[in-house]
Protein backbone atom coordinates (compact mmCIF):
# COMPACT_ATOMS: atom_id res chain seq x y z
CA GLU A 1 -96.27 150.77 -16.50
CA TYR A 2 -95.48 147.43 -18.10
CA ILE A 3 -92.84 147.01 -20.81
CA VAL A 4 -93.00 144.28 -23.44
CA TYR A 5 -89.74 143.67 -25.30
CA PHE A 6 -89.41 142.22 -28.80
CA PRO A 7 -86.65 140.42 -30.70
CA PHE A 8 -85.07 142.31 -33.60
CA ASP A 9 -87.50 142.93 -36.49
CA GLN A 10 -90.36 141.01 -34.84
CA TYR A 11 -93.76 141.88 -33.43
CA GLY A 12 -95.09 138.53 -32.23
CA LEU A 13 -95.36 137.97 -28.50
CA THR A 14 -92.62 135.75 -27.06
CA PRO A 15 -93.36 133.66 -23.95
CA GLU A 16 -91.71 136.37 -21.82
CA ALA A 17 -93.76 139.09 -23.53
CA THR A 18 -96.94 137.08 -23.05
CA SER A 19 -96.21 136.89 -19.33
CA VAL A 20 -95.86 140.68 -19.10
CA VAL A 21 -99.08 141.20 -21.08
CA GLN A 22 -100.85 138.74 -18.78
CA ASP A 23 -99.66 140.67 -15.72
CA ALA A 24 -101.00 143.90 -17.23
CA ALA A 25 -104.28 142.22 -18.18
CA ASN A 26 -104.69 140.86 -14.66
CA TYR A 27 -104.11 144.33 -13.23
CA ALA A 28 -106.57 145.96 -15.64
CA SER A 29 -109.19 143.24 -15.23
CA ALA A 30 -109.08 143.52 -11.45
CA GLY A 31 -110.75 146.91 -11.84
CA ARG A 32 -107.61 148.92 -11.29
CA ALA A 33 -107.62 150.48 -14.77
CA ASN A 34 -110.41 152.09 -16.75
CA SER A 35 -108.05 153.18 -19.51
CA VAL A 36 -105.12 151.26 -20.97
CA VAL A 37 -102.64 152.96 -23.31
CA VAL A 38 -100.40 150.80 -25.49
CA VAL A 39 -97.49 152.45 -27.34
CA GLY A 40 -95.18 150.63 -29.77
CA HIS A 41 -91.54 151.54 -30.37
CA THR A 42 -88.54 150.37 -32.40
CA ASP A 43 -84.80 150.83 -32.43
CA THR A 44 -83.15 152.98 -35.11
CA SER A 45 -82.21 150.12 -37.40
CA GLY A 46 -84.20 150.37 -40.63
CA SER A 47 -86.00 153.23 -42.35
CA ASN A 48 -88.37 155.60 -40.57
CA ALA A 49 -91.31 154.32 -42.63
CA TYR A 50 -90.49 150.68 -41.89
CA ASN A 51 -90.07 151.38 -38.19
CA ALA A 52 -93.37 153.26 -38.02
CA ARG A 53 -95.16 150.20 -39.42
CA LEU A 54 -93.23 147.79 -37.17
CA SER A 55 -94.05 149.82 -34.05
CA GLU A 56 -97.72 149.83 -35.12
CA ARG A 57 -97.65 146.04 -35.44
CA ARG A 58 -96.05 145.74 -32.00
CA ALA A 59 -98.69 147.97 -30.42
CA LYS A 60 -101.50 146.05 -32.08
CA SER A 61 -99.99 142.71 -31.09
CA VAL A 62 -99.93 143.76 -27.44
CA ALA A 63 -103.42 145.28 -27.62
CA ASP A 64 -104.77 142.08 -29.20
CA GLY A 65 -103.07 140.08 -26.45
CA LEU A 66 -104.71 142.19 -23.77
CA VAL A 67 -108.13 141.70 -25.37
CA SER A 68 -107.60 137.94 -25.64
CA MET A 69 -106.77 137.95 -21.92
CA GLY A 70 -110.03 139.65 -20.96
CA VAL A 71 -109.36 143.38 -21.15
CA PRO A 72 -112.26 145.10 -22.95
CA ALA A 73 -111.15 146.59 -26.27
CA SER A 74 -113.16 149.70 -25.41
CA VAL A 75 -110.68 150.70 -22.69
CA ILE A 76 -107.55 150.19 -24.84
CA SER A 77 -106.02 152.89 -27.01
CA ALA A 78 -103.01 152.12 -29.16
CA ASP A 79 -100.35 154.44 -30.53
CA TRP A 80 -96.93 153.95 -32.09
CA LYS A 81 -93.82 156.09 -32.26
CA GLY A 82 -91.49 154.17 -34.58
CA GLU A 83 -87.96 155.14 -33.65
CA GLY A 84 -89.05 158.60 -32.49
CA ALA A 85 -89.10 158.05 -28.72
CA PRO A 86 -86.24 155.72 -27.79
CA ALA A 87 -85.66 154.43 -24.28
CA VAL A 88 -81.93 154.65 -25.02
CA ASP A 89 -80.62 157.40 -27.29
CA THR A 90 -78.50 155.93 -30.06
CA GLY A 91 -77.27 156.94 -33.46
CA ASP A 92 -79.11 155.92 -36.61
CA GLY A 93 -78.95 152.27 -37.54
CA VAL A 94 -78.25 150.95 -34.03
CA LYS A 95 -79.85 147.68 -32.91
CA GLU A 96 -80.69 148.55 -29.29
CA PRO A 97 -82.76 145.86 -27.53
CA LEU A 98 -84.21 148.27 -24.94
CA ASN A 99 -85.75 150.37 -27.73
CA ARG A 100 -87.62 147.40 -29.25
CA ARG A 101 -90.58 147.60 -26.93
CA THR A 102 -94.23 148.34 -26.35
CA THR A 103 -95.33 150.07 -23.17
CA ILE A 104 -98.62 149.42 -21.42
CA THR A 105 -99.85 152.19 -19.13
């Protein structure tokens, strides 16, 4: 599993995020993966509806990055959880950096 982290309220790939996506793309492109699952997440800051859309944008940003790095779109499935599946349990309204992520499996 690869984890791509995002700055608060952003979904664009940072240089660090791009490096992680490239590592995942290299792994997948080397024939080690015939299915790639991308799942976007957010922290609990913001409304549920806003976070659902932000996590979707994060997942799509990572999926697009994988495709641009040579992973066939046909093997990628994207999903998003909003704030519903945090890496770190927090109360509502908490800006937790570890929850602002997209996983690549």
